Amino acid sequence: MMKQEIPGSLTVGSPLQQVKEYSARYAVGLPMLCLGVIALLVAAALMIVGGVVASQAAQPSASGDYTGAVLCFIAGVLLILFGALVLRGLIAVGPGQARVVQLFGRYTGTVRTPGLQWVNPFTTRRKLSTRIRNHETPVLKVNDADGNPIEMAAVVVWQVRDTARAVFDVDDFEEFVAIQTETAVRHIGTSYPYDAHEQGQLSLREHAEDITRKLSEEISDRVASAGVEVIESRLTRLAYAPEIAQAMLRRQQASAVVAARQRIVEGAVGMVRLALSRLAEEAVVELDEERKAAMVSNLLVVLCSEQTTQPVVNTGSLYQ
């Protein structure tokens, strides 16, 4: 067992060799099925013939020679053993399934071809599904990069690609995928904040596609040793924990109000600038700096107010 040092982690061991999948030697099962059935039928016929010969030899007028009967029984027994071995080597492989074949504990290959196949009858065969599967994690409570408790859950679409590694490199590859998926979800949740506080910062809520891609990459790296391929992964739940949900909701509302006010003020300033420039270009009225300031103030109040403003009609001159 080789030892390797990983910075910032414990010393772990890695196996010298990893078993990789390859095709096992097998034959088409239908001819072997016919051969086994024929062997059993011939064995039954020999047994019947042996019984008839033995009964004839037992008669008083017969010579008492049981050699033919014994030979028939021996041949019948041998054919029964032969037929049983032939039939024992038959395996039925369905679509989306595979058989991992071992001979006295040694991996001898995998059979993926659907249909009735025949392999060495002394081997053991383990059935394995290669269909696409879903795994949904439970709702996990983690702390994001800012230390806020959040709830996360994800669904992973995966498939067994290397049957040998799935069987021999881990104890239970389904449990292995489940544990590694939860570990990856927790790691992603603690690596990024729920909301971005700086321009260009990745956040769990605002950059779902980037977070999903990073989650898929991390899960793929974690489960690769089990011969599993991750097809897709998605976050199915992302929310603040109930104990801080109300406080965070108020903060989000405040941030939304500030952003809306900023947009309103920017629009109002642009409209005031446009109004002043149009008045100056068309020479509608000449205003000094004091009256311009008053006009700007009035327009900003009208444009930025949340309530309907009441106009005041000036019946005197502009300076009264």
Protein backbone atom coordinates (compact mmCIF):
# COMPACT_ATOMS: atom_id res chain seq x y z
CA MET A 1 0.00 0.00 0.00
CA MET A 2 1.55 3.26 -1.11
CA LYS A 3 1.26 6.33 1.10
CA GLN A 4 0.93 9.82 -0.28
CA GLU A 5 0.84 13.14 1.48
CA ILE A 6 -1.93 15.58 0.59
CA PRO A 7 -1.39 19.16 1.80
CA GLY A 8 -3.89 20.16 4.44
CA SER A 9 -5.28 16.65 4.93
CA LEU A 10 -4.53 13.36 6.63
CA THR A 11 -2.26 10.75 5.12
CA VAL A 12 -4.25 8.38 2.98
CA GLY A 13 -3.39 5.19 1.19
CA SER A 14 -4.03 4.41 -2.45
CA PRO A 15 -4.11 0.92 -3.95
CA LEU A 16 -1.27 -0.10 -6.21
CA GLN A 17 -3.67 -1.46 -8.83
CA GLN A 18 -7.30 -0.87 -9.62
CA VAL A 19 -9.46 -3.44 -11.34
CA LYS A 20 -10.88 -2.18 -14.61
CA GLU A 21 -13.74 -3.67 -16.55
CA TYR A 22 -13.15 -5.88 -19.57
CA SER A 23 -15.34 -8.31 -21.48
CA ALA A 24 -15.62 -11.87 -20.20
CA ARG A 25 -15.42 -14.98 -22.37
CA TYR A 26 -18.87 -16.32 -23.05
CA ALA A 27 -20.84 -18.28 -25.65
CA VAL A 28 -24.34 -17.99 -27.03
CA GLY A 29 -26.65 -19.61 -24.51
CA LEU A 30 -29.32 -21.21 -26.74
CA PRO A 31 -27.11 -23.98 -28.22
CA MET A 32 -25.75 -24.75 -24.75
CA LEU A 33 -29.30 -24.93 -23.41
CA CYS A 34 -30.19 -27.46 -26.10
CA LEU A 35 -27.03 -29.44 -25.33
CA GLY A 36 -27.83 -29.58 -21.62
CA VAL A 37 -31.44 -30.64 -22.22
CA ILE A 38 -30.34 -33.35 -24.67
CA ALA A 39 -27.78 -34.64 -22.16
CA LEU A 40 -30.45 -34.92 -19.47
CA LEU A 41 -32.87 -36.68 -21.84
CA VAL A 42 -30.19 -39.16 -22.92
CA ALA A 43 -29.30 -39.74 -19.26
CA ALA A 44 -32.94 -40.47 -18.46
CA ALA A 45 -33.14 -42.90 -21.39
CA LEU A 46 -29.96 -44.68 -20.23
CA MET A 47 -31.40 -44.99 -16.74
CA ILE A 48 -34.54 -46.58 -18.16
CA VAL A 49 -32.53 -48.95 -20.33
CA GLY A 50 -30.34 -49.85 -17.36
CA GLY A 51 -33.40 -50.64 -15.30
CA VAL A 52 -34.79 -52.86 -18.06
CA VAL A 53 -31.45 -54.69 -18.43
CA ALA A 54 -31.20 -55.17 -14.67
CA SER A 55 -34.73 -56.60 -14.49
CA GLN A 56 -33.97 -59.04 -17.32
CA ALA A 57 -30.73 -60.14 -15.67
CA ALA A 58 -32.60 -60.79 -12.43
CA GLN A 59 -34.86 -63.41 -14.04
CA PRO A 60 -34.10 -67.09 -13.17
CA SER A 61 -33.60 -68.04 -16.80
CA ALA A 62 -31.07 -65.22 -17.36
CA SER A 63 -27.34 -65.48 -16.90
CA GLY A 64 -27.33 -62.87 -14.06
CA ASP A 65 -24.88 -60.54 -15.80
CA TYR A 66 -25.48 -56.96 -14.61
CA THR A 67 -22.59 -55.39 -16.48
CA GLY A 68 -24.78 -53.71 -19.10
CA ALA A 69 -27.11 -52.28 -16.46
CA VAL A 70 -24.18 -50.91 -14.43
CA LEU A 71 -22.67 -49.29 -17.51
CA CYS A 72 -26.01 -47.69 -18.39
CA PHE A 73 -26.38 -46.30 -14.86
CA ILE A 74 -22.82 -44.95 -14.81
CA ALA A 75 -23.26 -43.31 -18.23
CA GLY A 76 -26.58 -41.85 -17.11
CA VAL A 77 -25.08 -40.37 -13.95
CA LEU A 78 -22.20 -38.86 -15.90
CA LEU A 79 -24.59 -37.34 -18.42
CA ILE A 80 -26.72 -35.90 -15.60
CA LEU A 81 -23.64 -34.25 -14.13
CA PHE A 82 -22.59 -33.00 -17.54
CA GLY A 83 -26.07 -31.61 -18.29
CA ALA A 84 -26.28 -29.98 -14.84
CA LEU A 85 -22.92 -28.25 -15.39
CA VAL A 86 -23.96 -27.06 -18.83
CA LEU A 87 -27.23 -25.65 -17.52
CA ARG A 88 -25.50 -24.05 -14.54
CA GLY A 89 -23.38 -21.96 -16.89
CA LEU A 90 -26.43 -20.28 -18.43
CA ILE A 91 -27.14 -16.65 -17.52
CA ALA A 92 -29.92 -14.34 -18.72
CA VAL A 93 -28.74 -10.77 -19.24
CA GLY A 94 -31.48 -8.19 -19.63
CA PRO A 95 -31.20 -4.74 -21.24
CA GLY A 96 -29.49 -2.31 -18.90
CA GLN A 97 -27.91 -5.14 -16.91
CA ALA A 98 -24.48 -6.75 -16.62
CA ARG A 99 -22.96 -9.81 -14.99
CA VAL A 100 -19.62 -9.54 -13.17
CA VAL A 101 -17.91 -12.95 -13.48
CA GLN A 102 -15.44 -14.35 -10.94
CA LEU A 103 -13.56 -17.64 -11.00
CA PHE A 104 -12.39 -18.73 -7.54
CA GLY A 105 -12.31 -15.11 -6.40
CA ARG A 106 -10.48 -13.76 -9.46
CA TYR A 107 -12.23 -11.27 -11.72
CA THR A 108 -12.56 -12.77 -15.21
CA GLY A 109 -14.63 -10.13 -16.98
CA THR A 110 -18.11 -8.67 -17.40
CA VAL A 111 -20.93 -9.81 -19.67
CA ARG A 112 -23.03 -6.92 -21.02
CA THR A 113 -24.58 -8.49 -24.15
CA PRO A 114 -28.34 -8.91 -23.59
CA GLY A 115 -29.88 -12.33 -24.03
CA LEU A 116 -29.16 -15.90 -22.93
CA GLN A 117 -25.41 -16.40 -22.58
CA TRP A 118 -23.18 -19.21 -21.31
CA VAL A 119 -20.06 -18.84 -19.17
CA ASN A 120 -17.83 -21.18 -17.21
CA PRO A 121 -20.17 -23.09 -14.86
CA PHE A 122 -17.60 -22.96 -12.03
CA THR A 123 -17.69 -19.15 -11.93
CA THR A 124 -19.84 -16.94 -9.74
CA ARG A 125 -21.85 -14.20 -11.40
CA ARG A 126 -23.04 -11.00 -9.76
CA LYS A 127 -25.97 -9.15 -11.27
CA LEU A 128 -25.47 -5.41 -11.67
CA SER A 129 -27.75 -2.72 -13.08
CA THR A 130 -26.25 -0.26 -15.56
CA ARG A 131 -29.42 1.80 -15.95
CA ILE A 132 -29.56 5.52 -15.26
CA ARG A 133 -30.52 6.23 -11.64
CA ASN A 134 -31.57 9.19 -9.51
CA HIS A 135 -30.40 9.99 -6.03
CA GLU A 136 -31.99 12.82 -4.07
CA THR A 137 -30.27 13.97 -0.92
CA PRO A 138 -32.24 14.84 2.21
CA VAL A 139 -32.52 18.48 3.20
CA LEU A 140 -29.13 19.38 4.66
CA LYS A 141 -28.54 22.30 7.03
CA VAL A 142 -25.14 23.92 6.44
CA ASN A 143 -23.48 27.27 7.03
CA ASP A 144 -22.65 29.28 3.91
CA ALA A 145 -19.41 31.19 3.42
CA ASP A 146 -20.80 34.07 5.55
CA GLY A 147 -21.72 31.74 8.38
CA ASN A 148 -25.48 31.94 7.79
CA PRO A 149 -27.38 28.66 8.28
CA ILE A 150 -29.07 27.55 5.07
CA GLU A 151 -30.95 24.47 3.88
CA MET A 152 -29.82 22.65 0.75
CA ALA A 153 -30.84 19.54 -1.18
CA ALA A 154 -29.78 18.17 -4.56
CA VAL A 155 -30.66 15.43 -7.02
CA VAL A 156 -27.96 13.52 -8.91
CA VAL A 157 -28.46 11.51 -12.11
CA TRP A 158 -25.79 8.81 -12.32
CA GLN A 159 -24.93 5.55 -14.02
CA VAL A 160 -22.45 2.70 -13.49
CA ARG A 161 -19.81 2.82 -16.23
CA ASP A 162 -17.14 0.47 -14.89
CA THR A 163 -18.77 -2.57 -13.28
CA ALA A 164 -15.48 -3.98 -12.01
CA ARG A 165 -14.62 -0.85 -10.03
CA ALA A 166 -18.18 -0.58 -8.74
CA VAL A 167 -18.01 -4.11 -7.33
CA PHE A 168 -14.39 -4.46 -6.18
CA ASP A 169 -13.14 -0.94 -5.33
CA VAL A 170 -15.91 -0.04 -2.83
CA ASP A 171 -18.06 -2.06 -0.45
CA ASP A 172 -21.44 -0.70 -1.58
CA PHE A 173 -21.34 1.65 -4.55
CA GLU A 174 -24.92 2.89 -4.03
CA GLU A 175 -24.20 3.92 -0.44
CA PHE A 176 -20.88 5.35 -1.59
CA VAL A 177 -22.62 7.59 -4.15
CA ALA A 178 -25.16 8.74 -1.55
CA ILE A 179 -22.52 9.68 1.04
CA GLN A 180 -20.20 11.39 -1.44
CA THR A 181 -23.10 13.38 -2.91
CA GLU A 182 -24.09 14.72 0.51
CA THR A 183 -20.45 15.55 1.22
CA ALA A 184 -20.15 17.49 -2.05
CA VAL A 185 -23.38 19.40 -1.38
CA ARG A 186 -22.14 20.40 2.08
CA HIS A 187 -18.77 21.48 0.69
CA ILE A 188 -20.36 23.61 -2.02
CA GLY A 189 -22.73 25.17 0.51
CA THR A 190 -19.88 26.21 2.80
CA SER A 191 -17.69 27.51 -0.04
CA TYR A 192 -20.01 30.25 -1.36
CA PRO A 193 -22.30 32.85 0.23
CA TYR A 194 -26.04 32.69 -0.21
CA ASP A 195 -26.10 36.28 -1.59
CA ALA A 196 -23.24 38.10 -3.30
CA HIS A 197 -21.93 41.19 -1.50
CA GLU A 198 -19.39 42.23 -4.13
CA GLN A 199 -19.55 42.70 -7.87
CA GLY A 200 -18.63 39.49 -9.70
CA GLN A 201 -18.74 37.29 -6.59
CA LEU A 202 -20.29 33.86 -7.01
CA SER A 203 -23.33 33.21 -4.84
CA LEU A 204 -25.61 30.23 -4.38
CA ARG A 205 -28.79 32.10 -5.20
CA GLU A 206 -27.73 34.32 -8.09
CA HIS A 207 -25.36 31.98 -9.99
CA ALA A 208 -27.30 28.72 -10.10
CA GLU A 209 -25.74 27.49 -13.36
CA ASP A 210 -22.16 28.03 -12.20
CA ILE A 211 -22.86 26.44 -8.82
CA THR A 212 -24.55 23.46 -10.49
CA ARG A 213 -21.56 22.94 -12.79
CA LYS A 214 -19.14 23.05 -9.87
CA LEU A 215 -21.35 20.64 -7.93
CA SER A 216 -21.40 18.17 -10.83
CA GLU A 217 -17.61 18.36 -11.20
CA GLU A 218 -17.03 17.76 -7.50
CA ILE A 219 -19.45 14.81 -7.31
CA SER A 220 -17.86 13.31 -10.45
CA ASP A 221 -14.40 13.51 -8.90
CA ARG A 222 -15.61 11.94 -5.66
CA VAL A 223 -17.45 8.96 -7.20
CA ALA A 224 -15.01 8.22 -10.04
CA SER A 225 -13.22 5.64 -7.87
CA ALA A 226 -16.45 3.59 -7.81
CA GLY A 227 -16.75 3.45 -11.60
CA VAL A 228 -19.75 5.80 -11.56
CA GLU A 229 -20.42 8.59 -14.06
CA VAL A 230 -22.47 11.62 -13.05
CA ILE A 231 -24.78 12.66 -15.88
CA GLU A 232 -26.41 15.67 -14.23
CA SER A 233 -26.89 17.25 -10.83
CA ARG A 234 -29.27 19.99 -9.71
CA LEU A 235 -30.05 21.84 -6.51
CA THR A 236 -33.66 21.09 -5.56
CA ARG A 237 -33.80 23.24 -2.43
CA LEU A 238 -31.95 26.37 -1.42
CA ALA A 239 -33.29 28.55 1.39
CA TYR A 240 -32.29 30.20 4.62
CA ALA A 241 -32.85 28.16 7.77
CA PRO A 242 -36.17 28.95 9.51
CA GLU A 243 -34.46 30.63 12.47
CA ILE A 244 -33.01 33.42 10.31
CA ALA A 245 -35.42 33.40 7.40
CA GLN A 246 -37.42 36.44 8.58
CA ALA A 247 -34.33 38.54 9.28
CA MET A 248 -32.82 37.68 5.90
CA LEU A 249 -36.11 38.42 4.17
CA ARG A 250 -36.13 41.92 5.68
CA ARG A 251 -32.55 42.43 4.54
CA GLN A 252 -33.44 41.34 1.01
CA GLN A 253 -36.44 43.66 1.00
CA ALA A 254 -34.27 46.55 2.19
CA SER A 255 -31.71 45.80 -0.52
CA ALA A 256 -34.48 45.72 -3.11
CA VAL A 257 -35.88 49.06 -1.90
CA VAL A 258 -32.42 50.66 -2.03
CA ALA A 259 -31.83 49.34 -5.55
CA ALA A 260 -35.26 50.57 -6.69
CA ARG A 261 -34.65 54.01 -5.19
CA GLN A 262 -31.31 54.19 -6.94
CA ARG A 263 -32.93 53.46 -10.30
CA ILE A 264 -35.66 56.01 -9.64
CA VAL A 265 -33.16 58.74 -8.73
CA GLU A 266 -31.04 57.99 -11.79
CA GLY A 267 -34.11 58.24 -14.01
CA ALA A 268 -35.31 61.43 -12.32
CA VAL A 269 -31.92 63.15 -12.69
CA GLY A 270 -31.89 62.26 -16.38
CA MET A 271 -35.40 63.67 -16.88
CA VAL A 272 -34.50 66.91 -15.05
CA ARG A 273 -31.35 67.31 -17.14
CA LEU A 274 -33.36 66.75 -20.31
CA ALA A 275 -36.01 69.27 -19.23
CA LEU A 276 -33.45 71.98 -18.49
CA SER A 277 -31.57 71.41 -21.72
CA ARG A 278 -34.77 71.51 -23.81
CA LEU A 279 -35.89 74.75 -22.14
CA ALA A 280 -32.51 76.31 -22.84
CA GLU A 281 -32.37 75.11 -26.46
CA GLU A 282 -35.87 76.30 -27.38
CA ALA A 283 -35.56 79.55 -25.36
CA VAL A 284 -38.90 79.02 -23.68
CA VAL A 285 -37.84 80.83 -20.51
CA GLU A 286 -34.62 82.14 -19.02
CA LEU A 287 -33.92 80.97 -15.48
CA ASP A 288 -31.19 82.08 -13.13
CA GLU A 289 -29.33 79.60 -10.94
CA GLU A 290 -31.67 80.09 -7.99
CA ARG A 291 -34.79 79.37 -10.07
CA LYS A 292 -33.07 76.42 -11.73
CA ALA A 293 -32.36 74.97 -8.28
CA ALA A 294 -35.99 75.45 -7.27
CA MET A 295 -37.18 73.83 -10.47
CA VAL A 296 -34.83 70.88 -9.99
CA SER A 297 -36.02 70.44 -6.41
CA ASN A 298 -39.68 70.49 -7.46
CA LEU A 299 -39.13 68.03 -10.31
CA LEU A 300 -37.20 65.61 -8.09
CA VAL A 301 -39.96 65.73 -5.49
CA VAL A 302 -42.57 64.98 -8.16
CA LEU A 303 -40.58 62.19 -9.82
CA CYS A 304 -39.21 60.49 -6.68
CA SER A 305 -42.22 60.74 -4.41
CA GLU A 306 -44.11 57.54 -3.60
CA GLN A 307 -47.40 59.45 -3.24
CA THR A 308 -49.27 61.59 -5.73
CA THR A 309 -48.09 65.21 -5.52
CA GLN A 310 -50.51 68.13 -5.39
CA PRO A 311 -49.59 70.96 -7.79
CA VAL A 312 -49.48 74.56 -6.54
CA VAL A 313 -50.64 77.16 -9.08
CA ASN A 314 -48.62 80.37 -8.98
CA THR A 315 -50.87 83.30 -9.93
CA GLY A 316 -48.19 85.89 -9.50
CA SER A 317 -44.86 86.36 -11.18
CA LEU A 318 -42.12 83.77 -11.19
CA TYR A 319 -40.25 85.61 -8.45
CA GLN A 320 -43.16 85.98 -6.03
